[in-house]
Amino acid sequence: MVQHFVDAKLDFDASYIYQDVDYAIQHVHQSGLVHKGILSDPDRYIVKNGQLLRFLKMLKEKGKNLFLLTNSPYNFVDGGMRFMLEDSLGLRESWRELFDVVIAKANKPNFYTSEHPFRCYDVEKDTLAYSKVDAFLPNKIYYHGCLKSFLNITKWKGPEVMYFGDHLFSDLRGPSKAGWRTAAIIQELEECEEIM
């Protein structure tokens, strides 16, 4: 966008461009437009990995606790996970069985510093419960929450946790402050590796 203004020799303030682009990005995420668009054509946007299910099952078999923590709403996570694992999972299996805890709409990076309570999400009714969450139950979905409550409920200690994320700020900075080991999954780095 900036290049357009430069090429057209138009007077502009880059901060206005930033504000407009930021607003547009926030809008398509908060309104659900981006999620609907991706799920309407997942082959175009989601890269399947045939080894994902095998990797997750291997971790479970080795006694590892797995959790999924995302800012996305459950319907998007469910659609994406079902798409990624549809060729590997049996008809009766659910991707949710692979995880000890599933947390959606976590509001990262605020998740790491806030004191926001967890709420149990009812998948069938698309509603949130008002009861206090003091344990994570199998096959349940949780919304919101915070790191402090997560650690109190799970009792998982810093270096015992290996956290994989794809966003440097919201997925790696906060978890590393909690003493978690972190790994970045950043597809764009593949190009750098090929150049080297």
N, C-alpha and C. Protein backbone atom coordinates (compact mmCIF):
# COMPACT_ATOMS: atom_id res chain seq x y z
N MET A 1 0.82 -1.19 0.00
CA MET A 1 0.00 0.00 0.00
C MET A 1 0.86 1.25 0.00
N VAL A 2 1.89 1.23 0.84
CA VAL A 2 2.76 2.40 0.91
C VAL A 2 3.37 2.68 -0.46
N GLN A 3 3.76 1.61 -1.16
CA GLN A 3 4.37 1.78 -2.47
C GLN A 3 3.42 2.49 -3.44
N HIS A 4 2.13 2.20 -3.33
CA HIS A 4 1.13 2.87 -4.17
C HIS A 4 1.18 4.38 -3.97
N PHE A 5 1.19 4.81 -2.71
CA PHE A 5 1.23 6.24 -2.42
C PHE A 5 2.53 6.87 -2.92
N VAL A 6 3.63 6.15 -2.73
CA VAL A 6 4.92 6.65 -3.19
C VAL A 6 4.93 6.77 -4.71
N ASP A 7 4.53 5.70 -5.40
CA ASP A 7 4.52 5.70 -6.88
C ASP A 7 3.61 6.79 -7.44
N ALA A 8 2.47 7.00 -6.78
CA ALA A 8 1.52 8.01 -7.25
C ALA A 8 1.89 9.42 -6.79
N LYS A 9 3.00 9.53 -6.05
CA LYS A 9 3.47 10.81 -5.52
C LYS A 9 2.38 11.53 -4.71
N LEU A 10 1.69 10.73 -3.88
CA LEU A 10 0.64 11.27 -3.02
C LEU A 10 1.20 11.54 -1.63
N ASP A 11 0.73 12.63 -1.04
CA ASP A 11 1.12 12.96 0.32
C ASP A 11 0.35 12.04 1.27
N PHE A 12 1.04 11.40 2.21
CA PHE A 12 0.37 10.48 3.13
C PHE A 12 1.14 10.37 4.44
N ASP A 13 0.44 9.91 5.44
CA ASP A 13 1.05 9.62 6.75
C ASP A 13 0.97 8.11 6.94
N ALA A 14 2.10 7.45 7.04
CA ALA A 14 2.14 5.98 7.15
C ALA A 14 1.37 5.47 8.36
N SER A 15 1.25 6.26 9.41
CA SER A 15 0.51 5.79 10.59
C SER A 15 -0.96 5.57 10.28
N TYR A 16 -1.53 6.37 9.32
CA TYR A 16 -2.93 6.16 8.94
C TYR A 16 -3.09 4.84 8.18
N ILE A 17 -2.13 4.52 7.34
CA ILE A 17 -2.17 3.25 6.62
C ILE A 17 -2.11 2.10 7.61
N TYR A 18 -1.20 2.21 8.57
CA TYR A 18 -1.08 1.17 9.60
C TYR A 18 -2.42 0.99 10.34
N GLN A 19 -3.02 2.10 10.76
CA GLN A 19 -4.27 2.03 11.50
C GLN A 19 -5.37 1.37 10.67
N ASP A 20 -5.47 1.73 9.40
CA ASP A 20 -6.51 1.17 8.53
C ASP A 20 -6.30 -0.33 8.30
N VAL A 21 -5.06 -0.70 8.03
CA VAL A 21 -4.77 -2.13 7.80
C VAL A 21 -5.00 -2.92 9.09
N ASP A 22 -4.57 -2.38 10.21
CA ASP A 22 -4.78 -3.05 11.50
C ASP A 22 -6.27 -3.23 11.77
N TYR A 23 -7.06 -2.19 11.52
CA TYR A 23 -8.51 -2.27 11.72
C TYR A 23 -9.11 -3.35 10.82
N ALA A 24 -8.70 -3.39 9.56
CA ALA A 24 -9.24 -4.38 8.62
C ALA A 24 -8.91 -5.80 9.07
N ILE A 25 -7.69 -6.02 9.51
CA ILE A 25 -7.28 -7.35 9.98
C ILE A 25 -8.09 -7.74 11.22
N GLN A 26 -8.22 -6.82 12.17
CA GLN A 26 -9.01 -7.10 13.37
C GLN A 26 -10.46 -7.42 13.00
N HIS A 27 -11.01 -6.66 12.07
CA HIS A 27 -12.41 -6.85 11.67
C HIS A 27 -12.64 -8.23 11.07
N VAL A 28 -11.80 -8.67 10.13
CA VAL A 28 -12.05 -9.96 9.49
C VAL A 28 -11.85 -11.11 10.47
N HIS A 29 -11.00 -10.92 11.48
CA HIS A 29 -10.84 -11.96 12.49
C HIS A 29 -12.01 -11.97 13.48
N GLN A 30 -12.32 -10.80 14.03
CA GLN A 30 -13.37 -10.73 15.05
C GLN A 30 -14.76 -11.01 14.49
N SER A 31 -15.00 -10.68 13.25
CA SER A 31 -16.31 -10.92 12.64
C SER A 31 -16.46 -12.38 12.21
N GLY A 32 -15.34 -13.11 12.14
CA GLY A 32 -15.40 -14.50 11.70
C GLY A 32 -15.27 -14.66 10.20
N LEU A 33 -15.14 -13.56 9.46
CA LEU A 33 -15.05 -13.64 8.00
C LEU A 33 -13.84 -14.46 7.54
N VAL A 34 -12.71 -14.26 8.19
CA VAL A 34 -11.51 -14.99 7.78
C VAL A 34 -11.68 -16.49 8.04
N HIS A 35 -12.30 -16.84 9.16
CA HIS A 35 -12.50 -18.26 9.49
C HIS A 35 -13.46 -18.92 8.50
N LYS A 36 -14.56 -18.22 8.19
CA LYS A 36 -15.53 -18.76 7.23
C LYS A 36 -14.89 -18.94 5.86
N GLY A 37 -14.08 -17.97 5.46
CA GLY A 37 -13.42 -18.05 4.16
C GLY A 37 -12.47 -19.23 4.08
N ILE A 38 -11.70 -19.44 5.12
CA ILE A 38 -10.74 -20.56 5.12
C ILE A 38 -11.48 -21.89 5.12
N LEU A 39 -12.49 -22.02 5.97
CA LEU A 39 -13.21 -23.30 6.05
C LEU A 39 -14.05 -23.58 4.79
N SER A 40 -14.38 -22.54 4.03
CA SER A 40 -15.14 -22.77 2.80
C SER A 40 -14.26 -23.38 1.70
N ASP A 41 -12.95 -23.24 1.82
CA ASP A 41 -12.02 -23.81 0.84
C ASP A 41 -10.72 -24.19 1.53
N PRO A 42 -10.77 -25.18 2.45
CA PRO A 42 -9.60 -25.49 3.25
C PRO A 42 -8.40 -25.97 2.45
N ASP A 43 -8.62 -26.63 1.31
CA ASP A 43 -7.49 -27.07 0.48
C ASP A 43 -6.62 -25.90 0.03
N ARG A 44 -7.22 -24.77 -0.10
CA ARG A 44 -6.50 -23.58 -0.56
C ARG A 44 -5.63 -22.97 0.54
N TYR A 45 -6.07 -23.11 1.81
CA TYR A 45 -5.42 -22.38 2.90
C TYR A 45 -4.71 -23.26 3.94
N ILE A 46 -5.12 -24.50 4.09
CA ILE A 46 -4.56 -25.35 5.14
C ILE A 46 -3.70 -26.44 4.52
N VAL A 47 -2.48 -26.54 4.99
CA VAL A 47 -1.55 -27.54 4.48
C VAL A 47 -1.66 -28.79 5.36
N LYS A 48 -1.99 -29.89 4.74
CA LYS A 48 -2.09 -31.15 5.48
C LYS A 48 -0.69 -31.75 5.66
N ASN A 49 -0.52 -32.41 6.79
CA ASN A 49 0.72 -33.13 7.04
C ASN A 49 0.33 -34.55 7.44
N GLY A 50 0.66 -35.51 6.59
CA GLY A 50 0.28 -36.90 6.82
C GLY A 50 0.90 -37.50 8.06
N GLN A 51 1.90 -36.84 8.63
CA GLN A 51 2.58 -37.36 9.82
C GLN A 51 2.04 -36.78 11.12
N LEU A 52 1.13 -35.81 11.03
CA LEU A 52 0.64 -35.13 12.23
C LEU A 52 0.00 -36.09 13.23
N LEU A 53 -0.92 -36.92 12.77
CA LEU A 53 -1.60 -37.84 13.68
C LEU A 53 -0.60 -38.81 14.30
N ARG A 54 0.29 -39.33 13.50
CA ARG A 54 1.30 -40.27 14.02
C ARG A 54 2.16 -39.60 15.09
N PHE A 55 2.54 -38.34 14.85
CA PHE A 55 3.37 -37.59 15.80
C PHE A 55 2.62 -37.37 17.12
N LEU A 56 1.36 -36.94 17.03
CA LEU A 56 0.58 -36.69 18.25
C LEU A 56 0.34 -37.98 19.03
N LYS A 57 0.03 -39.07 18.31
CA LYS A 57 -0.18 -40.35 18.99
C LYS A 57 1.10 -40.86 19.63
N MET A 58 2.24 -40.63 18.99
CA MET A 58 3.52 -41.04 19.56
C MET A 58 3.79 -40.30 20.87
N LEU A 59 3.49 -39.00 20.89
CA LEU A 59 3.68 -38.22 22.11
C LEU A 59 2.78 -38.75 23.23
N LYS A 60 1.52 -39.05 22.90
CA LYS A 60 0.60 -39.60 23.91
C LYS A 60 1.10 -40.94 24.43
N GLU A 61 1.57 -41.80 23.52
CA GLU A 61 2.07 -43.12 23.92
C GLU A 61 3.29 -43.01 24.82
N LYS A 62 4.06 -41.94 24.68
CA LYS A 62 5.24 -41.71 25.51
C LYS A 62 4.88 -41.04 26.83
N GLY A 63 3.58 -40.89 27.08
CA GLY A 63 3.12 -40.33 28.35
C GLY A 63 3.11 -38.81 28.42
N LYS A 64 3.20 -38.15 27.28
CA LYS A 64 3.19 -36.68 27.27
C LYS A 64 1.77 -36.16 27.37
N ASN A 65 1.62 -35.04 28.07
CA ASN A 65 0.34 -34.34 28.14
C ASN A 65 0.30 -33.34 26.99
N LEU A 66 -0.78 -33.33 26.24
CA LEU A 66 -0.91 -32.44 25.10
C LEU A 66 -2.05 -31.46 25.32
N PHE A 67 -1.81 -30.22 24.96
CA PHE A 67 -2.88 -29.24 25.01
C PHE A 67 -2.83 -28.38 23.77
N LEU A 68 -4.00 -27.88 23.37
CA LEU A 68 -4.11 -26.98 22.24
C LEU A 68 -4.60 -25.65 22.78
N LEU A 69 -3.86 -24.60 22.51
CA LEU A 69 -4.18 -23.26 23.00
C LEU A 69 -4.20 -22.33 21.80
N THR A 70 -5.37 -21.78 21.50
CA THR A 70 -5.51 -20.96 20.29
C THR A 70 -6.41 -19.76 20.55
N ASN A 71 -6.21 -18.73 19.76
CA ASN A 71 -7.08 -17.56 19.82
C ASN A 71 -8.34 -17.76 18.96
N SER A 72 -8.34 -18.76 18.13
CA SER A 72 -9.46 -18.99 17.22
C SER A 72 -10.67 -19.56 17.96
N PRO A 73 -11.88 -19.34 17.42
CA PRO A 73 -13.07 -19.94 18.02
C PRO A 73 -13.11 -21.44 17.75
N TYR A 74 -13.85 -22.16 18.56
CA TYR A 74 -13.87 -23.62 18.47
C TYR A 74 -14.31 -24.12 17.09
N ASN A 75 -15.34 -23.52 16.49
CA ASN A 75 -15.84 -24.05 15.22
C ASN A 75 -14.75 -24.02 14.14
N PHE A 76 -13.88 -23.01 14.19
CA PHE A 76 -12.79 -22.93 13.23
C PHE A 76 -11.72 -23.98 13.53
N VAL A 77 -11.38 -24.13 14.80
CA VAL A 77 -10.38 -25.13 15.21
C VAL A 77 -10.88 -26.53 14.85
N ASP A 78 -12.14 -26.80 15.14
CA ASP A 78 -12.71 -28.11 14.84
C ASP A 78 -12.69 -28.38 13.33
N GLY A 79 -13.11 -27.41 12.55
CA GLY A 79 -13.11 -27.58 11.10
C GLY A 79 -11.71 -27.81 10.55
N GLY A 80 -10.75 -27.03 11.05
CA GLY A 80 -9.38 -27.18 10.60
C GLY A 80 -8.76 -28.50 11.01
N MET A 81 -8.97 -28.91 12.25
CA MET A 81 -8.40 -30.17 12.74
C MET A 81 -9.03 -31.36 12.02
N ARG A 82 -10.35 -31.32 11.81
CA ARG A 82 -10.99 -32.41 11.09
C ARG A 82 -10.46 -32.50 9.66
N PHE A 83 -10.27 -31.35 9.04
CA PHE A 83 -9.72 -31.33 7.68
C PHE A 83 -8.30 -31.91 7.65
N MET A 84 -7.46 -31.47 8.58
CA MET A 84 -6.07 -31.94 8.57
C MET A 84 -5.94 -33.42 8.87
N LEU A 85 -6.87 -33.96 9.65
CA LEU A 85 -6.75 -35.36 10.08
C LEU A 85 -7.75 -36.30 9.42
N GLU A 86 -8.56 -35.79 8.50
CA GLU A 86 -9.63 -36.60 7.91
C GLU A 86 -9.12 -37.86 7.22
N ASP A 87 -7.93 -37.82 6.66
CA ASP A 87 -7.38 -38.98 5.97
C ASP A 87 -6.77 -40.00 6.92
N SER A 88 -6.53 -39.59 8.19
CA SER A 88 -5.83 -40.44 9.14
C SER A 88 -6.72 -40.99 10.25
N LEU A 89 -7.70 -40.21 10.68
CA LEU A 89 -8.57 -40.64 11.80
C LEU A 89 -9.63 -41.62 11.33
N GLY A 90 -9.98 -42.56 12.19
CA GLY A 90 -11.09 -43.45 11.91
C GLY A 90 -12.41 -42.72 12.07
N LEU A 91 -13.48 -43.35 11.63
CA LEU A 91 -14.79 -42.71 11.70
C LEU A 91 -15.23 -42.39 13.12
N ARG A 92 -14.84 -43.21 14.08
CA ARG A 92 -15.28 -43.01 15.47
C ARG A 92 -14.30 -42.17 16.27
N GLU A 93 -13.14 -41.89 15.72
CA GLU A 93 -12.13 -41.12 16.44
C GLU A 93 -12.39 -39.62 16.32
N SER A 94 -11.98 -38.90 17.33
CA SER A 94 -12.09 -37.44 17.31
C SER A 94 -10.71 -36.86 17.60
N TRP A 95 -10.37 -35.79 16.93
CA TRP A 95 -9.08 -35.13 17.19
C TRP A 95 -9.00 -34.66 18.63
N ARG A 96 -10.14 -34.38 19.26
CA ARG A 96 -10.14 -33.89 20.66
C ARG A 96 -9.58 -34.92 21.62
N GLU A 97 -9.69 -36.20 21.27
CA GLU A 97 -9.17 -37.27 22.13
C GLU A 97 -7.64 -37.25 22.20
N LEU A 98 -7.00 -36.57 21.28
CA LEU A 98 -5.55 -36.49 21.26
C LEU A 98 -5.00 -35.51 22.30
N PHE A 99 -5.86 -34.61 22.77
CA PHE A 99 -5.41 -33.55 23.67
C PHE A 99 -6.01 -33.70 25.06
N ASP A 100 -5.20 -33.43 26.07
CA ASP A 100 -5.68 -33.43 27.45
C ASP A 100 -6.51 -32.18 27.72
N VAL A 101 -6.15 -31.09 27.08
CA VAL A 101 -6.86 -29.81 27.26
C VAL A 101 -6.95 -29.11 25.91
N VAL A 102 -8.14 -28.56 25.60
CA VAL A 102 -8.32 -27.74 24.41
C VAL A 102 -8.89 -26.40 24.86
N ILE A 103 -8.14 -25.33 24.55
CA ILE A 103 -8.56 -23.98 24.93
C ILE A 103 -8.66 -23.13 23.66
N ALA A 104 -9.84 -22.58 23.42
CA ALA A 104 -10.07 -21.71 22.26
C ALA A 104 -10.31 -20.28 22.75
N LYS A 105 -10.24 -19.34 21.83
CA LYS A 105 -10.44 -17.91 22.14
C LYS A 105 -9.66 -17.51 23.39
N ALA A 106 -8.39 -17.89 23.41
CA ALA A 106 -7.54 -17.66 24.59
C ALA A 106 -7.11 -16.21 24.76
N ASN A 107 -7.22 -15.42 23.71
CA ASN A 107 -6.84 -14.01 23.78
C ASN A 107 -5.35 -13.81 24.08
N LYS A 108 -4.52 -14.63 23.41
CA LYS A 108 -3.07 -14.43 23.53
C LYS A 108 -2.70 -13.13 22.83
N PRO A 109 -1.79 -12.36 23.29
CA PRO A 109 -0.84 -12.62 24.36
C PRO A 109 -1.35 -12.27 25.76
N ASN A 110 -2.55 -11.66 25.88
CA ASN A 110 -3.07 -11.32 27.21
C ASN A 110 -3.27 -12.54 28.10
N PHE A 111 -3.44 -13.70 27.50
CA PHE A 111 -3.60 -14.95 28.24
C PHE A 111 -2.48 -15.12 29.27
N TYR A 112 -1.29 -14.69 28.93
CA TYR A 112 -0.12 -14.93 29.79
C TYR A 112 -0.02 -13.99 30.97
N THR A 113 -0.73 -12.87 30.93
CA THR A 113 -0.62 -11.89 32.01
C THR A 113 -1.94 -11.58 32.70
N SER A 114 -3.06 -11.94 32.11
CA SER A 114 -4.37 -11.60 32.68
C SER A 114 -4.73 -12.57 33.81
N GLU A 115 -5.86 -12.31 34.43
CA GLU A 115 -6.41 -13.22 35.45
C GLU A 115 -7.81 -13.66 35.02
N HIS A 116 -8.03 -13.69 33.71
CA HIS A 116 -9.33 -14.03 33.14
C HIS A 116 -9.67 -15.49 33.46
N PRO A 117 -10.89 -15.78 33.92
CA PRO A 117 -11.25 -17.17 34.25
C PRO A 117 -11.54 -18.00 33.00
N PHE A 118 -11.37 -19.30 33.14
CA PHE A 118 -11.77 -20.22 32.07
C PHE A 118 -13.28 -20.40 32.11
N ARG A 119 -13.85 -20.68 30.95
CA ARG A 119 -15.26 -21.03 30.86
C ARG A 119 -15.37 -22.26 29.99
N CYS A 120 -16.24 -23.17 30.39
CA CYS A 120 -16.47 -24.40 29.63
C CYS A 120 -17.42 -24.07 28.48
N TYR A 121 -17.04 -24.53 27.29
CA TYR A 121 -17.82 -24.25 26.08
C TYR A 121 -18.66 -25.48 25.73
N ASP A 122 -19.96 -25.27 25.53
CA ASP A 122 -20.86 -26.34 25.12
C ASP A 122 -20.92 -26.35 23.60
N VAL A 123 -20.33 -27.38 23.01
CA VAL A 123 -20.22 -27.49 21.56
C VAL A 123 -21.59 -27.57 20.90
N GLU A 124 -22.49 -28.34 21.49
CA GLU A 124 -23.82 -28.54 20.89
C GLU A 124 -24.67 -27.28 20.94
N LYS A 125 -24.64 -26.56 22.05
CA LYS A 125 -25.48 -25.37 22.22
C LYS A 125 -24.80 -24.08 21.81
N ASP A 126 -23.47 -24.13 21.58
CA ASP A 126 -22.68 -22.94 21.25
C ASP A 126 -22.84 -21.87 22.33
N THR A 127 -22.69 -22.32 23.60
CA THR A 127 -22.80 -21.42 24.74
C THR A 127 -21.65 -21.66 25.72
N LEU A 128 -21.45 -20.69 26.59
CA LEU A 128 -20.44 -20.80 27.64
C LEU A 128 -21.11 -20.98 28.98
N ALA A 129 -20.56 -21.88 29.80
CA ALA A 129 -21.10 -22.11 31.14
C ALA A 129 -20.62 -21.01 32.09
N TYR A 130 -21.36 -20.82 33.17
CA TYR A 130 -20.99 -19.82 34.17
C TYR A 130 -20.32 -20.44 35.39
N SER A 131 -20.28 -21.76 35.46
CA SER A 131 -19.67 -22.41 36.61
C SER A 131 -18.15 -22.28 36.58
N LYS A 132 -17.56 -22.27 37.77
CA LYS A 132 -16.12 -22.12 37.91
C LYS A 132 -15.41 -23.35 37.35
N VAL A 133 -14.34 -23.13 36.62
CA VAL A 133 -13.53 -24.23 36.09
C VAL A 133 -12.34 -24.41 37.03
N ASP A 134 -12.32 -25.54 37.74
CA ASP A 134 -11.17 -25.82 38.60
C ASP A 134 -10.51 -27.15 38.25
N ALA A 135 -10.96 -27.74 37.14
CA ALA A 135 -10.34 -28.95 36.59
C ALA A 135 -10.65 -29.00 35.10
N PHE A 136 -9.72 -29.54 34.33
CA PHE A 136 -9.95 -29.73 32.90
C PHE A 136 -10.40 -31.17 32.69
N LEU A 137 -11.61 -31.32 32.17
CA LEU A 137 -12.19 -32.64 31.97
C LEU A 137 -11.94 -33.13 30.54
N PRO A 138 -11.80 -34.45 30.36
CA PRO A 138 -11.54 -34.99 29.02
C PRO A 138 -12.66 -34.63 28.04
N ASN A 139 -12.25 -34.35 26.80
CA ASN A 139 -13.17 -34.10 25.70
C ASN A 139 -14.00 -32.83 25.86
N LYS A 140 -13.64 -31.97 26.79
CA LYS A 140 -14.32 -30.68 26.96
C LYS A 140 -13.51 -29.60 26.28
N ILE A 141 -14.19 -28.52 25.93
CA ILE A 141 -13.54 -27.37 25.30
C ILE A 141 -13.67 -26.20 26.28
N TYR A 142 -12.58 -25.46 26.42
CA TYR A 142 -12.56 -24.31 27.33
C TYR A 142 -12.27 -23.05 26.53
N TYR A 143 -12.87 -21.95 26.99
CA TYR A 143 -12.65 -20.65 26.36
C TYR A 143 -11.94 -19.74 27.36
N HIS A 144 -11.19 -18.78 26.81
CA HIS A 144 -10.55 -17.70 27.57
C HIS A 144 -9.51 -18.25 28.54
N GLY A 145 -9.58 -17.85 29.80
CA GLY A 145 -8.63 -18.32 30.79
C GLY A 145 -7.35 -17.50 30.82
N CYS A 146 -6.42 -17.99 31.65
CA CYS A 146 -5.14 -17.31 31.80
C CYS A 146 -4.08 -18.33 32.21
N LEU A 147 -2.84 -17.95 32.02
CA LEU A 147 -1.72 -18.83 32.33
C LEU A 147 -1.71 -19.24 33.80
N LYS A 148 -1.94 -18.29 34.68
CA LYS A 148 -1.91 -18.57 36.12
C LYS A 148 -2.89 -19.69 36.48
N SER A 149 -4.11 -19.61 36.01
CA SER A 149 -5.11 -20.65 36.29
C SER A 149 -4.74 -21.96 35.60
N PHE A 150 -4.23 -21.86 34.38
CA PHE A 150 -3.82 -23.06 33.65
C PHE A 150 -2.77 -23.84 34.44
N LEU A 151 -1.77 -23.14 34.96
CA LEU A 151 -0.71 -23.80 35.72
C LEU A 151 -1.23 -24.35 37.04
N ASN A 152 -2.15 -23.62 37.68
CA ASN A 152 -2.74 -24.11 38.94
C ASN A 152 -3.55 -25.39 38.72
N ILE A 153 -4.27 -25.45 37.61
CA ILE A 153 -5.12 -26.61 37.34
C ILE A 153 -4.28 -27.80 36.87
N THR A 154 -3.35 -27.58 35.96
CA THR A 154 -2.59 -28.70 35.38
C THR A 154 -1.41 -29.14 36.23
N LYS A 155 -0.84 -28.21 37.00
CA LYS A 155 0.38 -28.48 37.78
C LYS A 155 1.58 -28.78 36.88
N TRP A 156 1.50 -28.37 35.62
CA TRP A 156 2.62 -28.58 34.70
C TRP A 156 3.65 -27.48 34.93
N LYS A 157 4.88 -27.86 35.20
CA LYS A 157 5.94 -26.93 35.54
C LYS A 157 6.70 -26.46 34.30
N GLY A 158 7.29 -25.28 34.40
CA GLY A 158 8.01 -24.62 33.32
C GLY A 158 8.72 -25.49 32.30
N PRO A 159 9.90 -26.01 32.61
CA PRO A 159 10.66 -26.73 31.58
C PRO A 159 10.04 -28.06 31.17
N GLU A 160 9.02 -28.53 31.88
CA GLU A 160 8.33 -29.76 31.48
C GLU A 160 7.45 -29.52 30.25
N VAL A 161 7.17 -28.25 29.96
CA VAL A 161 6.25 -27.90 28.88
C VAL A 161 7.04 -27.50 27.63
N MET A 162 6.72 -28.14 26.52
CA MET A 162 7.28 -27.77 25.22
C MET A 162 6.15 -27.17 24.42
N TYR A 163 6.24 -25.90 24.10
CA TYR A 163 5.16 -25.16 23.46
C TYR A 163 5.53 -24.86 22.02
N PHE A 164 4.69 -25.28 21.08
CA PHE A 164 4.89 -25.00 19.66
C PHE A 164 3.95 -23.87 19.26
N GLY A 165 4.47 -22.89 18.56
CA GLY A 165 3.64 -21.78 18.12
C GLY A 165 4.05 -21.30 16.75
N ASP A 166 3.16 -20.53 16.12
CA ASP A 166 3.47 -20.01 14.79
C ASP A 166 3.47 -18.48 14.74
N HIS A 167 3.37 -17.85 15.90
CA HIS A 167 3.38 -16.39 15.95
C HIS A 167 4.41 -15.96 16.99
N LEU A 168 5.44 -15.27 16.54
CA LEU A 168 6.55 -14.95 17.44
C LEU A 168 6.13 -14.21 18.69
N PHE A 169 5.25 -13.23 18.56
CA PHE A 169 4.88 -12.43 19.72
C PHE A 169 3.90 -13.16 20.63
N SER A 170 2.77 -13.60 20.09
CA SER A 170 1.73 -14.16 20.97
C SER A 170 1.96 -15.62 21.33
N ASP A 171 2.84 -16.32 20.61
CA ASP A 171 3.05 -17.74 20.92
C ASP A 171 4.39 -18.05 21.57
N LEU A 172 5.34 -17.17 21.49
CA LEU A 172 6.66 -17.53 22.01
C LEU A 172 7.13 -16.66 23.17
N ARG A 173 6.81 -15.41 23.14
CA ARG A 173 7.27 -14.51 24.19
C ARG A 173 6.64 -14.86 25.55
N GLY A 174 5.31 -14.96 25.58
CA GLY A 174 4.61 -15.27 26.83
C GLY A 174 4.99 -16.62 27.42
N PRO A 175 4.95 -17.69 26.62
CA PRO A 175 5.31 -19.01 27.16
C PRO A 175 6.74 -19.08 27.69
N SER A 176 7.66 -18.39 27.03
CA SER A 176 9.05 -18.44 27.51
C SER A 176 9.18 -17.74 28.86
N LYS A 177 8.35 -16.72 29.11
CA LYS A 177 8.35 -16.06 30.42
C LYS A 177 7.86 -17.00 31.52
N ALA A 178 7.05 -17.98 31.14
CA ALA A 178 6.54 -18.96 32.11
C ALA A 178 7.55 -20.08 32.32
N GLY A 179 8.69 -20.00 31.63
CA GLY A 179 9.71 -21.03 31.77
C GLY A 179 9.50 -22.21 30.84
N TRP A 180 8.49 -22.12 29.96
CA TRP A 180 8.23 -23.19 29.00
C TRP A 180 9.31 -23.18 27.92
N ARG A 181 9.65 -24.33 27.44
CA ARG A 181 10.49 -24.41 26.25
C ARG A 181 9.59 -24.13 25.05
N THR A 182 10.10 -23.40 24.08
CA THR A 182 9.27 -23.00 22.94
C THR A 182 9.92 -23.40 21.62
N ALA A 183 9.07 -23.65 20.64
CA ALA A 183 9.52 -23.94 19.29
C ALA A 183 8.62 -23.19 18.33
N ALA A 184 9.23 -22.57 17.34
CA ALA A 184 8.48 -21.79 16.36
C ALA A 184 8.27 -22.60 15.09
N ILE A 185 7.04 -22.62 14.63
CA ILE A 185 6.71 -23.24 13.35
C ILE A 185 6.40 -22.09 12.40
N ILE A 186 7.40 -21.73 11.60
CA ILE A 186 7.26 -20.57 10.73
C ILE A 186 7.64 -20.99 9.32
N GLN A 187 6.62 -21.18 8.50
CA GLN A 187 6.82 -21.70 7.15
C GLN A 187 7.74 -20.82 6.31
N GLU A 188 7.68 -19.52 6.54
CA GLU A 188 8.50 -18.60 5.75
C GLU A 188 10.00 -18.86 5.93
N LEU A 189 10.39 -19.47 7.05
CA LEU A 189 11.81 -19.75 7.28
C LEU A 189 12.33 -20.85 6.37
N GLU A 190 11.44 -21.65 5.78
CA GLU A 190 11.88 -22.68 4.84
C GLU A 190 12.62 -22.06 3.67
N GLU A 191 12.14 -20.89 3.23
CA GLU A 191 12.81 -20.21 2.11
C GLU A 191 14.22 -19.80 2.50
N CYS A 192 14.41 -19.33 3.73
CA CYS A 192 15.74 -18.94 4.20
C CYS A 192 16.65 -20.16 4.23
N GLU A 193 16.11 -21.28 4.66
CA GLU A 193 16.89 -22.51 4.75
C GLU A 193 17.33 -22.97 3.35
N GLU A 194 16.45 -22.82 2.37
CA GLU A 194 16.79 -23.21 1.00
C GLU A 194 17.87 -22.31 0.43
N ILE A 195 17.85 -21.03 0.79
CA ILE A 195 18.85 -20.09 0.29
C ILE A 195 20.22 -20.41 0.87
N MET A 196 20.25 -20.79 2.14
CA MET A 196 21.51 -21.09 2.80
C MET A 196 22.04 -22.38 2.26
